[in-house]
């Protein structure tokens, strides 16, 4: 995922708090609960370890969803489906 695409999610959902999977194994193994990193350092970490993100990240045109959000996914579908 490109930094520009990640930035779309950051802008939509208000920063890394919503985007990072703080319950995931990768987050714990990276020691991120104990580190204070700036946004550029976090972006670099995500580039190396995309599993730090709450997945899936879903984009349909201008609509975005993070994680298991079936209601939002259904709202993304065109009305004809």
PDB file of N, CA and C in Angstrom:
ATOM      1  N   UNK A   1       0.849  -1.167   0.000  1.00  0.00           N
ATOM      2  CA  UNK A   1       0.000   0.000   0.000  1.00  0.00           C
ATOM      3  C   UNK A   1       0.897   1.234   0.000  1.00  0.00           C
ATOM      4  N   UNK A   2       0.600   2.161  -0.862  1.00  0.00           N
ATOM      5  CA  UNK A   2       1.426   3.360  -0.980  1.00  0.00           C
ATOM      6  C   UNK A   2       1.181   4.315   0.190  1.00  0.00           C
ATOM      7  N   UNK A   3       2.171   5.152   0.512  1.00  0.00           N
ATOM      8  CA  UNK A   3       1.973   6.148   1.564  1.00  0.00           C
ATOM      9  C   UNK A   3       0.785   7.074   1.288  1.00  0.00           C
ATOM     10  N   UNK A   4       0.551   7.412   0.022  1.00  0.00           N
ATOM     11  CA  UNK A   4      -0.588   8.262  -0.323  1.00  0.00           C
ATOM     12  C   UNK A   4      -1.918   7.604  -0.001  1.00  0.00           C
ATOM     13  N   UNK A   5      -1.998   6.315  -0.252  1.00  0.00           N
ATOM     14  CA  UNK A   5      -3.230   5.565   0.043  1.00  0.00           C
ATOM     15  C   UNK A   5      -3.440   5.477   1.555  1.00  0.00           C
ATOM     16  N   UNK A   6      -2.385   5.222   2.290  1.00  0.00           N
ATOM     17  CA  UNK A   6      -2.488   5.176   3.753  1.00  0.00           C
ATOM     18  C   UNK A   6      -2.922   6.537   4.275  1.00  0.00           C
ATOM     19  N   UNK A   7      -2.399   7.600   3.684  1.00  0.00           N
ATOM     20  CA  UNK A   7      -2.758   8.957   4.108  1.00  0.00           C
ATOM     21  C   UNK A   7      -4.253   9.212   3.942  1.00  0.00           C
ATOM     22  N   UNK A   8      -4.866   8.666   2.899  1.00  0.00           N
ATOM     23  CA  UNK A   8      -6.320   8.802   2.725  1.00  0.00           C
ATOM     24  C   UNK A   8      -7.069   8.260   3.942  1.00  0.00           C
ATOM     25  N   UNK A   9      -6.645   7.103   4.404  1.00  0.00           N
ATOM     26  CA  UNK A   9      -7.285   6.497   5.572  1.00  0.00           C
ATOM     27  C   UNK A   9      -6.997   7.306   6.830  1.00  0.00           C
ATOM     28  N   UNK A  10      -5.761   7.786   6.962  1.00  0.00           N
ATOM     29  CA  UNK A  10      -5.408   8.613   8.117  1.00  0.00           C
ATOM     30  C   UNK A  10      -6.266   9.868   8.170  1.00  0.00           C
ATOM     31  N   UNK A  11      -6.418  10.524   7.030  1.00  0.00           N
ATOM     32  CA  UNK A  11      -7.216  11.748   6.964  1.00  0.00           C
ATOM     33  C   UNK A  11      -8.690  11.480   7.274  1.00  0.00           C
ATOM     34  N   UNK A  12      -9.203  10.401   6.731  1.00  0.00           N
ATOM     35  CA  UNK A  12     -10.627  10.067   6.911  1.00  0.00           C
ATOM     36  C   UNK A  12     -10.953   9.686   8.356  1.00  0.00           C
ATOM     37  N   UNK A  13     -10.057   8.931   8.993  1.00  0.00           N
ATOM     38  CA  UNK A  13     -10.365   8.368  10.306  1.00  0.00           C
ATOM     39  C   UNK A  13      -9.634   9.041  11.461  1.00  0.00           C
ATOM     40  N   UNK A  14      -8.905  10.119  11.192  1.00  0.00           N
ATOM     41  CA  UNK A  14      -8.338  10.914  12.272  1.00  0.00           C
ATOM     42  C   UNK A  14      -7.005  10.452  12.827  1.00  0.00           C
ATOM     43  N   UNK A  15      -6.204   9.800  12.029  1.00  0.00           N
ATOM     44  CA  UNK A  15      -4.860   9.475  12.473  1.00  0.00           C
ATOM     45  C   UNK A  15      -4.613   8.006  12.709  1.00  0.00           C
ATOM     46  N   UNK A  16      -3.436   7.732  13.248  1.00  0.00           N
ATOM     47  CA  UNK A  16      -2.970   6.361  13.425  1.00  0.00           C
ATOM     48  C   UNK A  16      -3.739   5.596  14.498  1.00  0.00           C
ATOM     49  N   UNK A  17      -4.381   6.277  15.422  1.00  0.00           N
ATOM     50  CA  UNK A  17      -5.097   5.578  16.493  1.00  0.00           C
ATOM     51  C   UNK A  17      -6.122   4.591  15.945  1.00  0.00           C
ATOM     52  N   UNK A  18      -6.835   4.977  14.912  1.00  0.00           N
ATOM     53  CA  UNK A  18      -7.858   4.101  14.324  1.00  0.00           C
ATOM     54  C   UNK A  18      -7.257   3.086  13.356  1.00  0.00           C
ATOM     55  N   UNK A  19      -6.085   3.396  12.813  1.00  0.00           N
ATOM     56  CA  UNK A  19      -5.507   2.583  11.748  1.00  0.00           C
ATOM     57  C   UNK A  19      -4.635   1.438  12.258  1.00  0.00           C
ATOM     58  N   UNK A  20      -3.989   1.618  13.388  1.00  0.00           N
ATOM     59  CA  UNK A  20      -3.085   0.591  13.902  1.00  0.00           C
ATOM     60  C   UNK A  20      -3.852  -0.515  14.619  1.00  0.00           C
ATOM     61  N   UNK A  21      -3.413  -1.740  14.405  1.00  0.00           N
ATOM     62  CA  UNK A  21      -4.000  -2.901  15.074  1.00  0.00           C
ATOM     63  C   UNK A  21      -3.260  -3.122  16.388  1.00  0.00           C
ATOM     64  N   UNK A  22      -3.687  -2.417  17.416  1.00  0.00           N
ATOM     65  CA  UNK A  22      -3.006  -2.465  18.712  1.00  0.00           C
ATOM     66  C   UNK A  22      -3.177  -3.808  19.418  1.00  0.00           C
ATOM     67  N   UNK A  23      -4.108  -4.623  18.957  1.00  0.00           N
ATOM     68  CA  UNK A  23      -4.339  -5.950  19.541  1.00  0.00           C
ATOM     69  C   UNK A  23      -3.550  -7.035  18.814  1.00  0.00           C
ATOM     70  N   UNK A  24      -2.941  -6.685  17.696  1.00  0.00           N
ATOM     71  CA  UNK A  24      -2.253  -7.674  16.874  1.00  0.00           C
ATOM     72  C   UNK A  24      -0.887  -8.075  17.388  1.00  0.00           C
ATOM     73  N   UNK A  25      -0.480  -9.254  16.995  1.00  0.00           N
ATOM     74  CA  UNK A  25       0.815  -9.807  17.395  1.00  0.00           C
ATOM     75  C   UNK A  25       1.966  -8.936  16.894  1.00  0.00           C
ATOM     76  N   UNK A  26       1.866  -8.434  15.669  1.00  0.00           N
ATOM     77  CA  UNK A  26       2.938  -7.630  15.082  1.00  0.00           C
ATOM     78  C   UNK A  26       3.160  -6.341  15.868  1.00  0.00           C
ATOM     79  N   UNK A  27       2.077  -5.723  16.337  1.00  0.00           N
ATOM     80  CA  UNK A  27       2.168  -4.497  17.125  1.00  0.00           C
ATOM     81  C   UNK A  27       2.929  -4.777  18.426  1.00  0.00           C
ATOM     82  N   UNK A  28       2.576  -5.855  19.091  1.00  0.00           N
ATOM     83  CA  UNK A  28       3.238  -6.212  20.348  1.00  0.00           C
ATOM     84  C   UNK A  28       4.703  -6.563  20.113  1.00  0.00           C
ATOM     85  N   UNK A  29       4.971  -7.341  19.078  1.00  0.00           N
ATOM     86  CA  UNK A  29       6.347  -7.746  18.784  1.00  0.00           C
ATOM     87  C   UNK A  29       7.227  -6.568  18.392  1.00  0.00           C
ATOM     88  N   UNK A  30       6.638  -5.548  17.783  1.00  0.00           N
ATOM     89  CA  UNK A  30       7.399  -4.354  17.385  1.00  0.00           C
ATOM     90  C   UNK A  30       7.662  -3.441  18.581  1.00  0.00           C
ATOM     91  N   UNK A  31       7.025  -3.709  19.717  1.00  0.00           N
ATOM     92  CA  UNK A  31       7.208  -2.900  20.910  1.00  0.00           C
ATOM     93  C   UNK A  31       6.581  -1.522  20.810  1.00  0.00           C
ATOM     94  N   UNK A  32       5.597  -1.368  19.926  1.00  0.00           N
ATOM     95  CA  UNK A  32       5.008  -0.050  19.689  1.00  0.00           C
ATOM     96  C   UNK A  32       4.196   0.474  20.874  1.00  0.00           C
ATOM     97  N   UNK A  33       3.788  -0.409  21.762  1.00  0.00           N
ATOM     98  CA  UNK A  33       3.056   0.052  22.943  1.00  0.00           C
ATOM     99  C   UNK A  33       3.951   0.870  23.866  1.00  0.00           C
ATOM    100  N   UNK A  34       5.252   0.695  23.732  1.00  0.00           N
ATOM    101  CA  UNK A  34       6.197   1.364  24.624  1.00  0.00           C
ATOM    102  C   UNK A  34       6.985   2.481  23.952  1.00  0.00           C
ATOM    103  N   UNK A  35       6.828   2.623  22.645  1.00  0.00           N
ATOM    104  CA  UNK A  35       7.579   3.628  21.893  1.00  0.00           C
ATOM    105  C   UNK A  35       6.711   4.831  21.581  1.00  0.00           C
ATOM    106  N   UNK A  36       7.318   5.987  21.521  1.00  0.00           N
ATOM    107  CA  UNK A  36       6.647   7.214  21.084  1.00  0.00           C
ATOM    108  C   UNK A  36       7.259   7.599  19.746  1.00  0.00           C
ATOM    109  N   UNK A  37       6.578   7.257  18.664  1.00  0.00           N
ATOM    110  CA  UNK A  37       7.080   7.537  17.329  1.00  0.00           C
ATOM    111  C   UNK A  37       6.276   8.650  16.685  1.00  0.00           C
ATOM    112  N   UNK A  38       6.942   9.472  15.889  1.00  0.00           N
ATOM    113  CA  UNK A  38       6.218  10.500  15.148  1.00  0.00           C
ATOM    114  C   UNK A  38       5.553   9.854  13.927  1.00  0.00           C
ATOM    115  N   UNK A  39       4.724  10.621  13.241  1.00  0.00           N
ATOM    116  CA  UNK A  39       3.942  10.079  12.120  1.00  0.00           C
ATOM    117  C   UNK A  39       4.829   9.525  11.008  1.00  0.00           C
ATOM    118  N   UNK A  40       5.920  10.199  10.688  1.00  0.00           N
ATOM    119  CA  UNK A  40       6.777   9.713   9.599  1.00  0.00           C
ATOM    120  C   UNK A  40       7.450   8.390   9.985  1.00  0.00           C
ATOM    121  N   UNK A  41       7.816   8.236  11.255  1.00  0.00           N
ATOM    122  CA  UNK A  41       8.399   6.971  11.710  1.00  0.00           C
ATOM    123  C   UNK A  41       7.365   5.854  11.682  1.00  0.00           C
ATOM    124  N   UNK A  42       6.136   6.161  12.085  1.00  0.00           N
ATOM    125  CA  UNK A  42       5.069   5.158  12.010  1.00  0.00           C
ATOM    126  C   UNK A  42       4.790   4.756  10.568  1.00  0.00           C
ATOM    127  N   UNK A  43       4.793   5.726   9.677  1.00  0.00           N
ATOM    128  CA  UNK A  43       4.552   5.436   8.260  1.00  0.00           C
ATOM    129  C   UNK A  43       5.656   4.519   7.719  1.00  0.00           C
ATOM    130  N   UNK A  44       6.876   4.773   8.125  1.00  0.00           N
ATOM    131  CA  UNK A  44       7.996   3.932   7.699  1.00  0.00           C
ATOM    132  C   UNK A  44       7.833   2.510   8.224  1.00  0.00           C
ATOM    133  N   UNK A  45       7.436   2.376   9.478  1.00  0.00           N
ATOM    134  CA  UNK A  45       7.204   1.057  10.068  1.00  0.00           C
ATOM    135  C   UNK A  45       6.107   0.303   9.327  1.00  0.00           C
ATOM    136  N   UNK A  46       5.026   1.018   9.006  1.00  0.00           N
ATOM    137  CA  UNK A  46       3.913   0.386   8.291  1.00  0.00           C
ATOM    138  C   UNK A  46       4.364  -0.065   6.900  1.00  0.00           C
ATOM    139  N   UNK A  47       5.206   0.738   6.263  1.00  0.00           N
ATOM    140  CA  UNK A  47       5.737   0.344   4.957  1.00  0.00           C
ATOM    141  C   UNK A  47       6.498  -0.960   5.011  1.00  0.00           C
ATOM    142  N   UNK A  48       7.199  -1.195   6.119  1.00  0.00           N
ATOM    143  CA  UNK A  48       7.964  -2.427   6.291  1.00  0.00           C
ATOM    144  C   UNK A  48       7.108  -3.565   6.819  1.00  0.00           C
ATOM    145  N   UNK A  49       6.112  -3.239   7.643  1.00  0.00           N
ATOM    146  CA  UNK A  49       5.242  -4.233   8.270  1.00  0.00           C
ATOM    147  C   UNK A  49       3.777  -3.842   8.129  1.00  0.00           C
ATOM    148  N   UNK A  50       3.164  -4.069   6.966  1.00  0.00           N
ATOM    149  CA  UNK A  50       1.763  -3.690   6.779  1.00  0.00           C
ATOM    150  C   UNK A  50       0.799  -4.402   7.734  1.00  0.00           C
ATOM    151  N   UNK A  51       1.229  -5.484   8.358  1.00  0.00           N
ATOM    152  CA  UNK A  51       0.355  -6.190   9.303  1.00  0.00           C
ATOM    153  C   UNK A  51       0.141  -5.400  10.583  1.00  0.00           C
ATOM    154  N   UNK A  52       0.804  -4.253  10.722  1.00  0.00           N
ATOM    155  CA  UNK A  52       0.554  -3.366  11.857  1.00  0.00           C
ATOM    156  C   UNK A  52      -0.795  -2.666  11.727  1.00  0.00           C
ATOM    157  N   UNK A  53      -1.358  -2.695  10.532  1.00  0.00           N
ATOM    158  CA  UNK A  53      -2.633  -2.029  10.264  1.00  0.00           C
ATOM    159  C   UNK A  53      -3.804  -2.929  10.613  1.00  0.00           C
ATOM    160  N   UNK A  54      -4.922  -2.299  10.975  1.00  0.00           N
ATOM    161  CA  UNK A  54      -6.183  -3.039  11.131  1.00  0.00           C
ATOM    162  C   UNK A  54      -6.657  -3.372   9.727  1.00  0.00           C
ATOM    163  N   UNK A  55      -6.720  -4.627   9.440  1.00  0.00           N
ATOM    164  CA  UNK A  55      -7.092  -5.053   8.100  1.00  0.00           C
ATOM    165  C   UNK A  55      -8.460  -5.707   8.122  1.00  0.00           C
ATOM    166  N   UNK A  56      -9.170  -5.700   7.031  1.00  0.00           N
ATOM    167  CA  UNK A  56      -8.801  -5.115   5.753  1.00  0.00           C
ATOM    168  C   UNK A  56      -9.061  -3.606   5.716  1.00  0.00           C
ATOM    169  N   UNK A  57      -8.309  -2.944   4.868  1.00  0.00           N
ATOM    170  CA  UNK A  57      -8.579  -1.546   4.536  1.00  0.00           C
ATOM    171  C   UNK A  57      -9.290  -1.586   3.190  1.00  0.00           C
ATOM    172  N   UNK A  58     -10.497  -1.059   3.148  1.00  0.00           N
ATOM    173  CA  UNK A  58     -11.332  -1.167   1.948  1.00  0.00           C
ATOM    174  C   UNK A  58     -11.626   0.229   1.419  1.00  0.00           C
ATOM    175  N   UNK A  59     -11.440   0.382   0.094  1.00  0.00           N
ATOM    176  CA  UNK A  59     -11.760   1.647  -0.563  1.00  0.00           C
ATOM    177  C   UNK A  59     -12.620   1.347  -1.776  1.00  0.00           C
ATOM    178  N   UNK A  60     -13.727   2.054  -1.883  1.00  0.00           N
ATOM    179  CA  UNK A  60     -14.602   1.980  -3.048  1.00  0.00           C
ATOM    180  C   UNK A  60     -14.934   3.410  -3.429  1.00  0.00           C
ATOM    181  N   UNK A  61     -14.323   3.865  -4.509  1.00  0.00           N
ATOM    182  CA  UNK A  61     -14.416   5.265  -4.919  1.00  0.00           C
ATOM    183  C   UNK A  61     -13.929   6.154  -3.779  1.00  0.00           C
ATOM    184  N   UNK A  62     -14.768   7.000  -3.214  1.00  0.00           N
ATOM    185  CA  UNK A  62     -14.349   7.888  -2.133  1.00  0.00           C
ATOM    186  C   UNK A  62     -14.748   7.381  -0.754  1.00  0.00           C
ATOM    187  N   UNK A  63     -15.298   6.182  -0.681  1.00  0.00           N
ATOM    188  CA  UNK A  63     -15.723   5.612   0.592  1.00  0.00           C
ATOM    189  C   UNK A  63     -14.625   4.688   1.127  1.00  0.00           C
ATOM    190  N   UNK A  64     -14.399   4.767   2.434  1.00  0.00           N
ATOM    191  CA  UNK A  64     -13.346   3.988   3.071  1.00  0.00           C
ATOM    192  C   UNK A  64     -13.885   3.228   4.272  1.00  0.00           C
ATOM    193  N   UNK A  65     -13.284   2.075   4.549  1.00  0.00           N
ATOM    194  CA  UNK A  65     -13.634   1.290   5.728  1.00  0.00           C
ATOM    195  C   UNK A  65     -12.376   0.636   6.287  1.00  0.00           C
ATOM    196  N   UNK A  66     -12.346   0.492   7.600  1.00  0.00           N
ATOM    197  CA  UNK A  66     -11.228  -0.156   8.277  1.00  0.00           C
ATOM    198  C   UNK A  66     -11.762  -1.350   9.045  1.00  0.00           C
ATOM    199  N   UNK A  67     -11.068  -2.477   8.940  1.00  0.00           N
ATOM    200  CA  UNK A  67     -11.419  -3.664   9.714  1.00  0.00           C
ATOM    201  C   UNK A  67     -12.692  -4.332   9.233  1.00  0.00           C
ATOM    202  N   UNK A  68     -13.201  -5.228  10.049  1.00  0.00           N
ATOM    203  CA  UNK A  68     -14.403  -5.993   9.721  1.00  0.00           C
ATOM    204  C   UNK A  68     -15.633  -5.118   9.954  1.00  0.00           C
ATOM    205  N   UNK A  69     -16.085  -4.447   8.907  1.00  0.00           N
ATOM    206  CA  UNK A  69     -17.194  -3.499   9.003  1.00  0.00           C
ATOM    207  C   UNK A  69     -18.193  -3.791   7.884  1.00  0.00           C
ATOM    208  N   UNK A  70     -18.910  -4.879   8.030  1.00  0.00           N
ATOM    209  CA  UNK A  70     -19.809  -5.366   6.984  1.00  0.00           C
ATOM    210  C   UNK A  70     -20.874  -4.344   6.585  1.00  0.00           C
ATOM    211  N   UNK A  71     -21.384  -3.590   7.552  1.00  0.00           N
ATOM    212  CA  UNK A  71     -22.398  -2.582   7.247  1.00  0.00           C
ATOM    213  C   UNK A  71     -21.881  -1.516   6.295  1.00  0.00           C
ATOM    214  N   UNK A  72     -20.667  -1.046   6.535  1.00  0.00           N
ATOM    215  CA  UNK A  72     -20.069  -0.047   5.645  1.00  0.00           C
ATOM    216  C   UNK A  72     -19.773  -0.661   4.289  1.00  0.00           C
ATOM    217  N   UNK A  73     -19.307  -1.909   4.264  1.00  0.00           N
ATOM    218  CA  UNK A  73     -19.026  -2.559   2.982  1.00  0.00           C
ATOM    219  C   UNK A  73     -20.293  -2.627   2.130  1.00  0.00           C
ATOM    220  N   UNK A  74     -21.408  -3.001   2.759  1.00  0.00           N
ATOM    221  CA  UNK A  74     -22.672  -3.087   2.011  1.00  0.00           C
ATOM    222  C   UNK A  74     -23.096  -1.728   1.495  1.00  0.00           C
ATOM    223  N   UNK A  75     -22.861  -0.688   2.292  1.00  0.00           N
ATOM    224  CA  UNK A  75     -23.215   0.670   1.856  1.00  0.00           C
ATOM    225  C   UNK A  75     -22.354   1.132   0.687  1.00  0.00           C
ATOM    226  N   UNK A  76     -21.206   0.529   0.505  1.00  0.00           N
ATOM    227  CA  UNK A  76     -20.308   0.877  -0.599  1.00  0.00           C
ATOM    228  C   UNK A  76     -20.771   0.310  -1.936  1.00  0.00           C
ATOM    229  N   UNK A  77     -21.600  -0.728  -1.868  1.00  0.00           N
ATOM    230  CA  UNK A  77     -22.049  -1.383  -3.105  1.00  0.00           C
ATOM    231  C   UNK A  77     -23.020  -0.476  -3.865  1.00  0.00           C
ATOM    232  N   UNK A  78     -22.950  -0.498  -5.180  1.00  0.00           N
ATOM    233  CA  UNK A  78     -23.930   0.262  -5.960  1.00  0.00           C
ATOM    234  C   UNK A  78     -25.351  -0.248  -5.693  1.00  0.00           C
ATOM    235  N   UNK A  79     -26.317   0.614  -5.830  1.00  0.00           N
ATOM    236  CA  UNK A  79     -27.709   0.276  -5.518  1.00  0.00           C
ATOM    237  C   UNK A  79     -28.228  -0.882  -6.369  1.00  0.00           C
ATOM    238  N   UNK A  80     -27.692  -1.101  -7.555  1.00  0.00           N
ATOM    239  CA  UNK A  80     -28.207  -2.145  -8.443  1.00  0.00           C
ATOM    240  C   UNK A  80     -27.861  -3.557  -7.990  1.00  0.00           C
ATOM    241  N   UNK A  81     -26.975  -3.732  -6.966  1.00  0.00           N
ATOM    242  CA  UNK A  81     -26.644  -5.058  -6.499  1.00  0.00           C
ATOM    243  C   UNK A  81     -27.634  -5.458  -5.483  1.00  0.00           C
TER     244      UNK A  81
END
